Amino acid sequence: MLEKIIAALEMEDLSLAKQWIDTIDLQIAEGTPEGIDFARNDTFYILKAEAYFRMHDRTSMYESLLQGMENNPMNYEYYVLLSEYYYSENPYLSYLCLENALFHCPEDQPEDRNFIQSALNQLIADDYAVPKTSFIILSYQHPDLMQNCLESIRRTTPVSAREIVIVDNASTDDVVDYLKAQDDIVLICNQENTGFPRGCNIGIEAATPGNDIYLLNNDTQLTENSLFWLRMGLYQSKKVGATGSVSNRISNYQNVLTPETPLEECLEFGRQNNRLLPDAYRKMPRLIGFSMLIKHSVLLEIGLLDENYTPGNYEDDDLSIRIQYAGYELYLCKNSFVYHVGSASFKNDNYQRILQRNRKYFINKWGISLETLSLKTYEHVSMTPFPQEARFQALEIGAKIGSTLQLLQEHFPHATFQGLDQEKRYSKLGKHFSPEITYIKKSDDILPYPDSSFDIIYITEFLEFINFPEKFLREVKRILKPEGHLLFCIRNPRNIAYLSELLSGKRNFYLDAIQTDRCTPKLLRSEIEEQLQLANLKIQEVSLKENVLLEAGIDESVYQIIQTHMNEQDITELRIFQYFIHAQK
């Protein structure tokens, strides 16, 4: 039947071609032996995409490429067709697709390679070329990791797309000898260890002017197409300032595999994962710098890494905020998997001290904490009493910059979400990341919504910090629809970690005040439940999140001291970090 589709296309009989395509699609849907074979056949999906392209049916063409690339993400013909798909709307993406097609096209296909190169040359002539990517990699010890990293770059990226700049931070093993033997890198050997931010800046300054900058840890390995999809994300629009990868060992919700996943499984996952995906890009409030691609024009505008974070930590978060304050967006590319060993070069005895010092500097500089940028309340998703496909009106009070709001929107795509918070310090970043959030003055007693506006209201670490909870609950009840739902996330003031920090003097109230203005919970769970009953709100469910003693890093002696001053019922609350209460009007 494929020959019949080819013949119909050669005759420009698109109606006949579609008939044969529909016949094969039906066989695939029914799971017939022939259909199973066709489902694995690249040629079918290539012909199908080509037919829909000629029919000017962009949606069906895109669906055909999604289906085909799920089967084989390395087939160069898919990238040629993807180039045609993007050409009319974004020629820069078209250029990237052709460059990747040429990279994957075998040498024994000279006619196709010449065709691709000719199309690339035309885009270059029309001024649609995308800058090369300058890899900026810091080296310190571990020649085996550096070798694996370099080999993965060479294996998965075209020479035409890259420049490799390596800055060695005064290694004392044989990694420098290895690097000096490489003829395709720019190598800078520092006489002293300058730390991560300064080392990166040295590499950026040595990169070819105009190249995009790719910060990549030396303990990583690229997988097939991981750089390609980072670049595709970066050039989705002029608003995108930087893109980041998913991995097996990383924070900030960028993990898609567990740290224990074996290397070969990770590499195979990357080969299959790094393909055309319908929802490949997630807007982020921060990106981790282990694999972070930054547009050269953006870096020129905002400047290099802040070297006050030397030897390292928080410099990528600082960069993330500066990119957003300059008016650009950060994208996590879910189809760019990069393997990460993790913590191979940096951690030492002073790690926690450096981490706390840099945290303090970050909070003083920006007036917000890393937790504000990162934390999401997943319990709000699991406790929402609506099916995933439901349409409902929702509000989150205590939205900060909108991380949980984004999580809810992803899980309930047909619902409408708004956010509300009092904190002025969140508003600058929040307006960039989540324009649907309203920021009000602390003195505002009236919530800015009509009566009966929402089916559900999420209240995230807010009620327990305010001075007049009765008045607040009356307002919440007013804007809630009849039989509407309330989901509370409430911090426990008797949590062992919190009390331990108070007793040991580790809790910095100055930093807490800068971080949230909600540093001291004023209400216990029993008091909150009493307030809900007074407001005639029916409690439907209560769940909790615990601290594990060892994970909380709490001195056992402090734990014993606290126990002596509490009754048995109170002691059970020591491990509870947060309560989650579902109430209904």
Protein backbone atom coordinates (compact mmCIF):
# COMPACT_ATOMS: atom_id res chain seq x y z
CA MET A 1 0.00 0.00 0.00
CA LEU A 2 2.93 2.35 0.52
CA GLU A 3 3.67 2.15 -3.20
CA LYS A 4 0.08 3.26 -3.88
CA ILE A 5 0.54 6.31 -1.60
CA ILE A 6 3.78 7.15 -3.43
CA ALA A 7 2.06 6.80 -6.81
CA ALA A 8 -0.85 9.00 -5.70
CA LEU A 9 1.56 11.69 -4.50
CA GLU A 10 3.50 11.56 -7.75
CA MET A 11 0.22 12.09 -9.62
CA GLU A 12 -0.72 14.90 -7.18
CA ASP A 13 -3.88 12.95 -6.41
CA LEU A 14 -4.03 13.96 -2.75
CA SER A 15 -7.54 12.60 -2.28
CA LEU A 16 -6.43 9.13 -3.33
CA ALA A 17 -3.31 9.36 -1.17
CA LYS A 18 -5.46 10.19 1.84
CA GLN A 19 -7.73 7.23 1.17
CA TRP A 20 -4.78 4.84 1.33
CA ILE A 21 -3.43 6.63 4.43
CA ASP A 22 -6.81 6.26 6.15
CA THR A 23 -6.88 2.57 5.25
CA ILE A 24 -3.51 1.99 6.88
CA ASP A 25 -4.48 4.08 9.93
CA LEU A 26 -7.52 1.88 10.38
CA GLN A 27 -5.37 -1.25 10.25
CA ILE A 28 -3.05 0.24 12.87
CA ALA A 29 -6.02 1.14 15.10
CA GLU A 30 -7.44 -2.38 14.79
CA GLY A 31 -4.08 -3.94 15.57
CA THR A 32 -3.99 -6.23 12.54
CA PRO A 33 -0.64 -7.89 11.70
CA GLU A 34 -0.28 -5.53 8.72
CA GLY A 35 -1.18 -2.57 10.95
CA ILE A 36 1.46 -3.54 13.50
CA ASP A 37 4.08 -3.59 10.74
CA PHE A 38 2.95 -0.21 9.39
CA ALA A 39 3.06 1.30 12.91
CA ARG A 40 6.81 0.58 12.96
CA ASN A 41 7.44 1.79 9.43
CA ASP A 42 9.13 5.19 9.07
CA THR A 43 8.24 5.38 5.40
CA PHE A 44 4.51 5.38 6.17
CA TYR A 45 4.73 8.32 8.57
CA ILE A 46 7.06 10.23 6.25
CA LEU A 47 4.63 9.79 3.34
CA LYS A 48 1.71 10.65 5.61
CA ALA A 49 3.34 13.89 6.80
CA GLU A 50 4.30 14.80 3.22
CA ALA A 51 0.73 14.23 2.03
CA TYR A 52 -0.74 16.45 4.75
CA PHE A 53 1.89 19.10 4.04
CA ARG A 54 0.73 19.23 0.43
CA MET A 55 -2.89 19.40 1.62
CA HIS A 56 -1.94 22.41 3.82
CA ASP A 57 -3.23 20.47 6.82
CA ARG A 58 -0.64 21.54 9.39
CA THR A 59 -2.36 19.88 12.34
CA SER A 60 -2.43 16.44 10.70
CA MET A 61 1.12 16.88 9.43
CA TYR A 62 2.31 17.62 12.96
CA GLU A 63 0.42 14.59 14.34
CA SER A 64 2.05 12.40 11.69
CA LEU A 65 5.51 13.60 12.72
CA LEU A 66 4.70 13.01 16.39
CA GLN A 67 3.72 9.43 15.58
CA GLY A 68 6.74 8.77 13.40
CA MET A 69 9.34 10.29 15.71
CA GLU A 70 7.98 8.28 18.62
CA ASN A 71 9.00 5.29 16.55
CA ASN A 72 12.41 6.59 15.45
CA PRO A 73 13.69 10.01 16.62
CA MET A 74 16.90 9.69 14.56
CA ASN A 75 15.43 9.51 11.04
CA TYR A 76 16.72 12.56 9.16
CA GLU A 77 13.66 12.75 6.88
CA TYR A 78 11.47 13.68 9.83
CA TYR A 79 13.63 16.73 10.45
CA VAL A 80 13.41 17.76 6.79
CA LEU A 81 9.63 17.63 7.03
CA LEU A 82 9.67 19.39 10.40
CA SER A 83 11.70 22.14 8.72
CA GLU A 84 8.95 22.54 6.15
CA TYR A 85 6.35 22.64 8.93
CA TYR A 86 8.10 25.50 10.74
CA TYR A 87 9.33 27.48 7.73
CA SER A 88 6.34 29.78 7.28
CA GLU A 89 6.01 30.64 10.98
CA ASN A 90 9.57 30.51 12.33
CA PRO A 91 12.42 30.12 9.82
CA TYR A 92 14.96 29.92 12.67
CA LEU A 93 13.41 26.63 13.78
CA SER A 94 13.41 25.54 10.15
CA TYR A 95 17.16 26.18 10.05
CA LEU A 96 17.77 24.12 13.20
CA CYS A 97 15.74 21.22 11.80
CA LEU A 98 17.71 21.19 8.55
CA GLU A 99 21.01 21.33 10.43
CA ASN A 100 19.90 18.33 12.50
CA ALA A 101 18.66 16.53 9.39
CA LEU A 102 22.08 16.93 7.79
CA PHE A 103 23.73 15.61 10.96
CA HIS A 104 21.56 12.46 10.93
CA CYS A 105 21.62 11.95 7.15
CA PRO A 106 24.00 9.08 6.24
CA GLU A 107 27.03 9.81 4.08
CA ASP A 108 25.78 7.25 1.54
CA GLN A 109 22.82 9.54 0.71
CA PRO A 110 24.66 12.26 -1.25
CA GLU A 111 21.59 13.53 -3.12
CA ASP A 112 19.63 14.06 0.09
CA ARG A 113 22.62 15.66 1.80
CA ASN A 114 23.05 18.07 -1.09
CA PHE A 115 19.35 18.93 -0.99
CA ILE A 116 19.49 19.63 2.75
CA GLN A 117 22.67 21.68 2.43
CA SER A 118 21.16 23.71 -0.39
CA ALA A 119 18.09 24.50 1.75
CA LEU A 120 20.35 25.47 4.63
CA ASN A 121 22.37 27.77 2.41
CA GLN A 122 19.18 29.51 1.31
CA LEU A 123 18.15 30.17 4.90
CA ILE A 124 21.63 31.50 5.64
CA ALA A 125 21.37 33.81 2.62
CA ASP A 126 17.99 34.98 3.91
CA ASP A 127 19.60 35.79 7.30
CA TYR A 128 17.83 33.03 9.24
CA ALA A 129 20.92 31.20 10.48
CA VAL A 130 20.96 30.37 14.20
CA PRO A 131 24.22 31.15 16.05
CA LYS A 132 26.52 28.34 17.05
CA THR A 133 26.47 27.09 20.62
CA SER A 134 29.56 27.60 22.75
CA PHE A 135 29.81 24.87 25.38
CA ILE A 136 31.25 26.33 28.59
CA ILE A 137 32.55 23.46 30.73
CA LEU A 138 34.54 23.79 33.94
CA SER A 139 37.08 21.07 34.56
CA TYR A 140 38.39 20.08 37.96
CA GLN A 141 39.94 16.64 38.40
CA HIS A 142 38.06 13.53 37.19
CA PRO A 143 39.50 12.94 33.68
CA ASP A 144 37.12 10.01 33.19
CA LEU A 145 34.08 12.25 33.62
CA MET A 146 35.50 14.87 31.30
CA GLN A 147 36.27 12.29 28.64
CA ASN A 148 32.74 10.88 28.82
CA CYS A 149 31.29 14.36 28.57
CA LEU A 150 33.38 15.32 25.53
CA GLU A 151 32.70 12.06 23.73
CA SER A 152 28.97 12.50 24.24
CA ILE A 153 29.12 16.00 22.74
CA ARG A 154 30.99 14.75 19.69
CA ARG A 155 28.61 11.82 19.27
CA THR A 156 25.36 13.77 19.51
CA THR A 157 25.98 17.24 18.04
CA PRO A 158 27.07 18.48 14.60
CA VAL A 159 30.43 20.23 14.36
CA SER A 160 28.70 23.07 12.51
CA ALA A 161 26.59 23.82 15.60
CA ARG A 162 29.20 23.90 18.34
CA GLU A 163 32.29 25.35 19.91
CA ILE A 164 33.71 23.69 23.02
CA VAL A 165 35.38 25.94 25.60
CA ILE A 166 36.87 24.21 28.64
CA VAL A 167 38.24 26.05 31.64
CA ASP A 168 40.36 23.93 33.95
CA ASN A 169 40.37 25.17 37.54
CA ALA A 170 43.91 24.16 38.50
CA SER A 171 43.41 20.39 38.49
CA THR A 172 46.21 18.32 40.01
CA ASP A 173 45.50 15.01 38.29
CA ASP A 174 46.08 14.09 34.63
CA VAL A 175 42.90 15.72 33.26
CA VAL A 176 44.92 18.68 31.89
CA ASP A 177 47.19 16.34 29.91
CA TYR A 178 44.09 14.71 28.44
CA LEU A 179 42.54 18.06 27.53
CA LYS A 180 45.74 19.36 25.92
CA ALA A 181 45.65 16.38 23.58
CA GLN A 182 42.18 17.32 22.24
CA ASP A 183 42.31 19.30 19.00
CA ASP A 184 38.66 20.42 18.83
CA ILE A 185 38.42 22.45 22.03
CA VAL A 186 39.41 25.88 23.30
CA LEU A 187 41.31 25.20 26.54
CA ILE A 188 42.06 27.69 29.29
CA CYS A 189 44.14 26.48 32.23
CA ASN A 190 43.77 28.57 35.37
CA GLN A 191 46.72 28.72 37.75
CA GLU A 192 44.34 28.69 40.72
CA ASN A 193 40.84 27.41 41.37
CA THR A 194 38.68 30.46 40.66
CA GLY A 195 35.40 28.77 41.57
CA PHE A 196 32.38 28.11 39.38
CA PRO A 197 31.01 31.60 38.59
CA ARG A 198 34.40 33.13 37.74
CA GLY A 199 35.46 30.02 35.82
CA CYS A 200 32.28 30.18 33.72
CA ASN A 201 32.80 33.87 33.06
CA ILE A 202 36.35 33.20 31.86
CA GLY A 203 34.96 30.62 29.45
CA ILE A 204 32.16 32.89 28.24
CA GLU A 205 34.66 35.69 27.57
CA ALA A 206 36.78 33.25 25.54
CA ALA A 207 33.84 32.07 23.42
CA THR A 208 33.36 33.32 19.88
CA PRO A 209 31.34 36.57 20.04
CA GLY A 210 27.73 36.06 18.99
CA ASN A 211 27.55 32.39 19.98
CA ASP A 212 24.83 31.23 22.34
CA ILE A 213 26.23 30.08 25.69
CA TYR A 214 25.66 26.56 27.02
CA LEU A 215 26.64 26.06 30.67
CA LEU A 216 27.29 22.33 31.03
CA ASN A 217 28.71 20.45 34.02
CA ASN A 218 31.68 18.20 33.40
CA ASP A 219 29.90 15.25 35.05
CA THR A 220 27.19 15.09 32.39
CA GLN A 221 26.64 13.16 29.18
CA LEU A 222 24.49 14.43 26.35
CA THR A 223 22.08 12.03 24.72
CA GLU A 224 20.91 12.08 21.11
CA ASN A 225 19.20 15.35 20.15
CA SER A 226 19.45 16.83 23.66
CA LEU A 227 21.22 19.99 22.44
CA PHE A 228 18.97 20.20 19.37
CA TRP A 229 15.78 20.42 21.43
CA LEU A 230 17.36 22.93 23.82
CA ARG A 231 18.07 25.14 20.82
CA MET A 232 14.57 24.58 19.44
CA GLY A 233 13.16 25.75 22.77
CA LEU A 234 15.46 28.77 22.85
CA TYR A 235 14.27 29.97 19.45
CA GLN A 236 10.55 29.32 19.95
CA SER A 237 10.16 33.08 20.27
CA LYS A 238 12.08 36.26 21.02
CA LYS A 239 10.73 36.11 24.58
CA VAL A 240 12.74 32.99 25.49
CA GLY A 241 15.98 33.85 27.26
CA ALA A 242 17.24 30.45 28.38
CA THR A 243 16.38 26.75 28.29
CA GLY A 244 17.26 23.83 30.55
CA SER A 245 17.29 20.04 30.44
CA VAL A 246 15.66 17.24 32.39
CA SER A 247 17.86 14.63 34.03
CA ASN A 248 18.22 11.68 36.38
CA ARG A 249 19.87 13.56 39.25
CA ILE A 250 18.90 17.19 39.63
CA SER A 251 16.63 19.39 41.73
CA ASN A 252 13.97 21.96 40.81
CA TYR A 253 11.46 19.39 39.49
CA GLN A 254 13.79 18.73 36.52
CA ASN A 255 14.16 15.04 37.46
CA VAL A 256 12.44 12.51 35.21
CA LEU A 257 14.36 9.41 36.37
CA THR A 258 15.61 8.37 39.79
CA PRO A 259 19.26 8.95 40.75
CA GLU A 260 19.68 5.16 41.04
CA THR A 261 18.79 4.56 37.37
CA PRO A 262 21.78 2.82 35.70
CA LEU A 263 23.76 4.75 33.10
CA GLU A 264 22.72 2.58 30.14
CA GLU A 265 19.05 2.93 31.04
CA CYS A 266 19.48 6.70 31.25
CA LEU A 267 21.18 6.87 27.85
CA GLU A 268 18.50 4.70 26.27
CA PHE A 269 15.78 6.83 27.86
CA GLY A 270 17.41 9.92 26.33
CA ARG A 271 17.48 8.33 22.88
CA GLN A 272 13.73 7.65 23.06
CA ASN A 273 12.67 10.74 25.02
CA ASN A 274 14.43 13.40 22.96
CA ARG A 275 11.91 13.76 20.16
CA LEU A 276 9.03 15.94 19.04
CA LEU A 277 6.60 16.22 21.97
CA PRO A 278 3.25 18.06 22.04
CA ASP A 279 3.92 19.80 25.39
CA ALA A 280 7.69 19.85 25.36
CA TYR A 281 8.27 23.18 27.05
CA ARG A 282 7.38 24.22 30.60
CA LYS A 283 7.80 27.81 31.70
CA MET A 284 9.98 27.89 34.82
CA PRO A 285 10.83 30.44 37.54
CA ARG A 286 14.39 29.10 37.67
CA LEU A 287 16.67 26.69 35.82
CA ILE A 288 19.55 24.64 37.18
CA GLY A 289 22.87 25.51 35.56
CA PHE A 290 24.06 21.93 35.09
CA SER A 291 22.67 22.14 31.53
CA MET A 292 21.46 25.65 30.71
CA LEU A 293 21.48 27.26 27.26
CA ILE A 294 21.37 31.06 27.19
CA LYS A 295 20.72 33.29 24.20
CA HIS A 296 23.82 35.39 23.49
CA SER A 297 21.83 38.61 23.10
CA VAL A 298 20.22 38.09 26.51
CA LEU A 299 23.58 37.52 28.20
CA LEU A 300 24.93 40.70 26.61
CA GLU A 301 21.96 42.56 28.06
CA ILE A 302 22.04 41.22 31.63
CA GLY A 303 25.75 40.54 32.12
CA LEU A 304 27.78 37.54 33.23
CA LEU A 305 27.45 35.34 36.32
CA ASP A 306 27.64 37.12 39.68
CA GLU A 307 31.06 36.21 41.09
CA ASN A 308 29.97 37.07 44.63
CA TYR A 309 28.63 33.49 44.77
CA THR A 310 32.18 32.08 44.43
CA PRO A 311 33.06 29.23 44.77
CA GLY A 312 29.55 28.29 43.69
CA ASN A 313 25.81 27.73 44.37
CA TYR A 314 22.93 30.10 43.68
CA GLU A 315 24.66 31.75 40.69
CA ASP A 316 22.28 29.98 38.29
CA ASP A 317 19.27 31.08 40.37
CA ASP A 318 20.58 34.63 40.31
CA LEU A 319 20.96 34.38 36.54
CA SER A 320 17.40 33.04 36.24
CA ILE A 321 15.96 36.03 38.07
CA ARG A 322 17.98 38.54 36.03
CA ILE A 323 16.81 36.94 32.79
CA GLN A 324 13.18 37.24 33.87
CA TYR A 325 13.54 40.80 35.19
CA ALA A 326 14.90 41.73 31.76
CA GLY A 327 11.57 40.54 30.30
CA TYR A 328 12.51 37.06 29.06
CA GLU A 329 11.17 33.59 29.87
CA LEU A 330 12.83 30.38 31.02
CA TYR A 331 11.80 27.07 29.46
CA LEU A 332 12.40 23.56 30.73
CA CYS A 333 12.70 21.32 27.67
CA LYS A 334 11.15 17.99 28.59
CA ASN A 335 12.55 16.48 25.38
CA SER A 336 16.16 17.30 26.27
CA PHE A 337 17.47 14.62 28.63
CA VAL A 338 21.06 14.99 29.87
CA TYR A 339 22.63 12.35 32.09
CA HIS A 340 24.12 13.76 35.30
CA VAL A 341 26.44 12.01 37.75
CA GLY A 342 25.95 14.76 40.33
CA SER A 343 28.16 16.35 42.97
CA ALA A 344 31.40 15.09 41.49
CA SER A 345 33.42 18.29 41.49
CA PHE A 346 32.17 20.68 44.08
CA LYS A 347 31.07 19.29 47.45
CA ASN A 348 33.60 19.40 50.29
CA ASP A 349 33.70 20.01 54.05
CA ASN A 350 32.71 23.66 53.66
CA TYR A 351 29.76 22.95 51.41
CA GLN A 352 27.00 23.76 53.94
CA ARG A 353 28.76 26.90 55.13
CA ILE A 354 29.12 28.16 51.56
CA LEU A 355 25.54 27.21 50.79
CA GLN A 356 24.19 29.21 53.75
CA ARG A 357 26.39 32.21 52.99
CA ASN A 358 25.24 32.30 49.38
CA ARG A 359 21.63 31.81 50.41
CA LYS A 360 21.90 34.86 52.65
CA TYR A 361 23.49 36.89 49.84
CA PHE A 362 20.78 35.78 47.40
CA ILE A 363 17.94 36.72 49.77
CA ASN A 364 19.49 40.08 50.59
CA LYS A 365 19.98 40.82 46.90
CA TRP A 366 16.54 39.80 45.63
CA GLY A 367 14.28 39.88 48.69
CA ILE A 368 12.94 36.39 48.01
CA SER A 369 14.13 32.90 48.84
CA LEU A 370 14.90 29.92 46.66
CA GLU A 371 11.93 28.17 48.26
CA THR A 372 9.67 30.90 46.90
CA LEU A 373 10.95 30.17 43.40
CA SER A 374 10.73 26.41 43.63
CA LEU A 375 8.27 24.83 46.00
CA LYS A 376 5.03 23.35 44.71
CA THR A 377 2.18 21.97 46.81
CA TYR A 378 1.44 18.64 45.15
CA GLU A 379 -1.15 17.81 47.81
CA HIS A 380 -3.40 20.48 46.29
CA VAL A 381 -3.54 18.34 43.16
CA SER A 382 -4.20 15.04 44.90
CA MET A 383 -6.90 16.50 47.20
CA THR A 384 -8.79 18.42 44.50
CA PRO A 385 -12.29 16.85 44.44
CA PHE A 386 -12.74 17.23 40.68
CA PRO A 387 -11.78 14.91 37.81
CA GLN A 388 -8.86 15.96 35.63
CA GLU A 389 -11.09 16.89 32.69
CA ALA A 390 -13.46 19.04 34.80
CA ARG A 391 -14.11 22.72 34.11
CA PHE A 392 -14.14 24.84 37.25
CA GLN A 393 -13.15 28.26 38.57
CA ALA A 394 -10.28 28.22 41.07
CA LEU A 395 -8.30 30.69 43.17
CA GLU A 396 -5.06 30.15 45.10
CA ILE A 397 -4.50 32.50 48.04
CA GLY A 398 -0.84 32.57 49.06
CA ALA A 399 0.25 32.03 45.46
CA LYS A 400 3.66 33.74 45.85
CA ILE A 401 5.02 33.76 42.27
CA GLY A 402 2.72 31.01 40.96
CA SER A 403 4.65 27.71 41.03
CA THR A 404 1.76 25.73 42.52
CA LEU A 405 -0.69 27.59 40.32
CA GLN A 406 1.23 26.36 37.27
CA LEU A 407 1.20 22.80 38.64
CA LEU A 408 -2.58 22.91 39.09
CA GLN A 409 -3.10 24.29 35.60
CA GLU A 410 -1.06 21.46 34.10
CA HIS A 411 -3.13 18.82 35.92
CA PHE A 412 -6.49 20.46 35.26
CA PRO A 413 -6.09 22.00 31.78
CA HIS A 414 -9.79 22.85 31.35
CA ALA A 415 -10.12 24.75 34.64
CA THR A 416 -9.55 28.50 35.07
CA PHE A 417 -7.06 29.53 37.75
CA GLN A 418 -6.28 32.84 39.41
CA GLY A 419 -3.84 33.69 42.17
CA LEU A 420 -3.71 36.17 45.04
CA ASP A 421 -1.02 37.24 47.47
CA GLN A 422 -0.14 40.14 49.75
CA GLU A 423 3.58 40.15 49.36
CA LYS A 424 4.93 43.07 47.37
CA ARG A 425 8.31 41.41 47.11
CA TYR A 426 6.77 38.59 45.05
CA SER A 427 5.00 40.85 42.63
CA LYS A 428 7.91 41.84 40.38
CA LEU A 429 8.89 38.28 39.55
CA GLY A 430 5.33 37.00 39.83
CA LYS A 431 4.14 39.38 37.11
CA HIS A 432 6.74 37.91 34.76
CA PHE A 433 6.10 34.28 35.65
CA SER A 434 2.36 34.26 36.40
CA PRO A 435 0.47 37.30 35.10
CA GLU A 436 -2.79 35.81 36.42
CA ILE A 437 -1.78 36.60 40.03
CA THR A 438 -3.20 39.70 41.79
CA TYR A 439 -1.10 41.30 44.54
CA ILE A 440 -2.93 43.27 47.20
CA LYS A 441 -1.90 45.46 50.15
CA LYS A 442 -1.79 43.91 53.59
CA SER A 443 -4.32 46.45 54.79
CA ASP A 444 -6.91 45.28 52.25
CA ASP A 445 -9.75 43.62 54.15
CA ILE A 446 -11.93 42.92 51.13
CA LEU A 447 -10.89 40.28 48.61
CA PRO A 448 -11.19 41.75 45.10
CA TYR A 449 -13.75 39.27 43.73
CA PRO A 450 -17.58 39.21 43.46
CA ASP A 451 -19.71 36.95 45.63
CA SER A 452 -19.78 33.26 44.68
CA SER A 453 -16.90 33.48 42.19
CA PHE A 454 -15.04 30.21 42.75
CA ASP A 455 -15.76 26.49 42.86
CA ILE A 456 -12.60 25.86 44.86
CA ILE A 457 -10.13 28.04 46.75
CA TYR A 458 -6.64 26.81 47.64
CA ILE A 459 -5.10 28.57 50.66
CA THR A 460 -1.37 27.89 50.81
CA GLU A 461 0.49 28.70 54.06
CA PHE A 462 -1.54 31.86 54.56
CA LEU A 463 -4.29 31.49 57.15
CA GLU A 464 -1.92 30.58 60.00
CA PHE A 465 0.13 33.76 59.53
CA ILE A 466 -2.55 36.45 59.49
CA ASN A 467 -3.76 38.47 62.47
CA PHE A 468 -7.53 38.25 61.95
CA PRO A 469 -8.42 34.79 60.61
CA GLU A 470 -12.17 35.19 61.38
CA LYS A 471 -12.48 38.22 59.13
CA PHE A 472 -10.42 36.53 56.41
CA LEU A 473 -12.54 33.36 56.47
CA ARG A 474 -15.73 35.41 56.17
CA GLU A 475 -14.34 36.97 52.99
CA VAL A 476 -13.24 33.59 51.64
CA LYS A 477 -16.69 32.17 52.31
CA ARG A 478 -18.29 35.14 50.53
CA ILE A 479 -16.43 34.55 47.24
CA LEU A 480 -16.89 30.77 47.38
CA LYS A 481 -19.82 29.28 45.47
CA PRO A 482 -22.49 27.31 47.34
CA GLU A 483 -21.07 23.89 48.28
CA GLY A 484 -17.69 25.13 47.07
CA HIS A 485 -14.46 23.59 48.35
CA LEU A 486 -11.55 24.94 50.40
CA LEU A 487 -8.13 23.27 50.48
CA PHE A 488 -5.72 24.53 53.14
CA CYS A 489 -1.99 23.91 53.30
CA ILE A 490 -1.00 24.90 56.87
CA ARG A 491 2.46 24.97 58.41
CA ASN A 492 2.75 23.39 61.86
CA PRO A 493 4.37 25.75 64.42
CA ARG A 494 5.21 22.76 66.63
CA ASN A 495 7.27 21.02 63.95
CA ILE A 496 10.47 19.61 65.43
CA ALA A 497 12.71 21.15 62.77
CA TYR A 498 11.29 24.61 63.39
CA LEU A 499 11.51 24.31 67.19
CA SER A 500 15.04 22.91 66.99
CA GLU A 501 16.21 25.87 64.93
CA LEU A 502 14.70 28.24 67.48
CA LEU A 503 16.40 26.52 70.42
CA SER A 504 19.77 26.16 68.71
CA GLY A 505 19.78 29.75 67.43
CA LYS A 506 20.02 28.59 63.82
CA ARG A 507 16.79 30.28 62.74
CA ASN A 508 17.49 33.70 61.29
CA PHE A 509 14.37 35.79 61.79
CA TYR A 510 15.81 38.58 59.65
CA LEU A 511 16.15 36.27 56.67
CA ASP A 512 12.76 34.74 57.40
CA ALA A 513 11.13 38.16 57.39
CA ILE A 514 12.77 39.01 54.06
CA GLN A 515 11.78 35.61 52.71
CA THR A 516 8.06 35.66 53.41
CA ASP A 517 6.73 38.04 56.06
CA ARG A 518 4.99 34.87 57.21
CA CYS A 519 7.85 33.50 59.32
CA THR A 520 5.98 32.72 62.56
CA PRO A 521 2.80 30.62 62.38
CA LYS A 522 0.22 32.05 64.77
CA LEU A 523 -2.34 29.22 64.81
CA LEU A 524 -2.24 25.57 65.77
CA ARG A 525 -4.23 22.95 63.90
CA SER A 526 -6.87 22.81 66.66
CA GLU A 527 -7.30 26.58 66.52
CA ILE A 528 -7.68 26.53 62.75
CA GLU A 529 -10.28 23.77 62.93
CA GLU A 530 -12.15 25.85 65.52
CA GLN A 531 -12.07 28.86 63.20
CA LEU A 532 -13.49 26.76 60.37
CA GLN A 533 -16.32 25.53 62.58
CA LEU A 534 -17.13 29.08 63.67
CA ALA A 535 -17.32 30.04 59.99
CA ASN A 536 -19.74 27.15 59.45
CA LEU A 537 -17.34 25.41 57.06
CA LYS A 538 -17.54 21.61 57.14
CA ILE A 539 -14.23 19.76 57.46
CA GLN A 540 -14.19 16.83 55.00
CA GLU A 541 -10.65 15.50 55.29
CA VAL A 542 -7.37 16.15 57.12
CA SER A 543 -4.00 14.78 55.99
CA LEU A 544 -0.44 15.59 56.95
CA LYS A 545 3.16 15.61 55.83
CA GLU A 546 5.82 14.44 58.29
CA ASN A 547 9.49 15.19 58.84
CA VAL A 548 11.73 12.20 59.27
CA LEU A 549 13.99 12.90 62.25
CA LEU A 550 17.27 12.02 60.55
CA GLU A 551 16.31 13.76 57.31
CA ALA A 552 15.51 16.92 59.23
CA GLY A 553 19.10 16.91 60.56
CA ILE A 554 17.93 17.47 64.16
CA ASP A 555 20.11 16.86 67.19
CA GLU A 556 18.59 14.03 69.23
CA SER A 557 19.34 15.92 72.47
CA VAL A 558 17.27 18.86 71.30
CA TYR A 559 14.46 16.45 70.49
CA GLN A 560 14.62 15.06 74.05
CA ILE A 561 14.54 18.55 75.61
CA ILE A 562 11.45 19.49 73.62
CA GLN A 563 9.68 16.25 74.58
CA THR A 564 10.05 16.94 78.30
CA HIS A 565 7.95 20.09 77.99
CA MET A 566 5.09 18.59 75.95
CA ASN A 567 2.30 16.14 76.66
CA GLU A 568 1.89 12.89 74.73
CA GLN A 569 -0.59 14.32 72.24
CA ASP A 570 1.67 17.26 71.48
CA ILE A 571 4.68 14.99 71.02
CA THR A 572 2.93 13.24 68.12
CA GLU A 573 2.81 16.58 66.33
CA LEU A 574 6.56 17.10 66.45
CA ARG A 575 7.19 15.27 63.19
CA ILE A 576 4.33 16.95 61.33
CA PHE A 577 5.55 19.67 58.99
CA GLN A 578 2.30 20.62 57.24
CA TYR A 579 -1.41 19.91 57.58
CA PHE A 580 -3.79 19.71 54.63
CA ILE A 581 -7.44 20.37 55.37
CA HIS A 582 -10.33 19.96 52.94
CA ALA A 583 -13.42 21.94 53.99
CA GLN A 584 -16.67 22.72 52.21
CA LYS A 585 -19.17 25.56 52.33
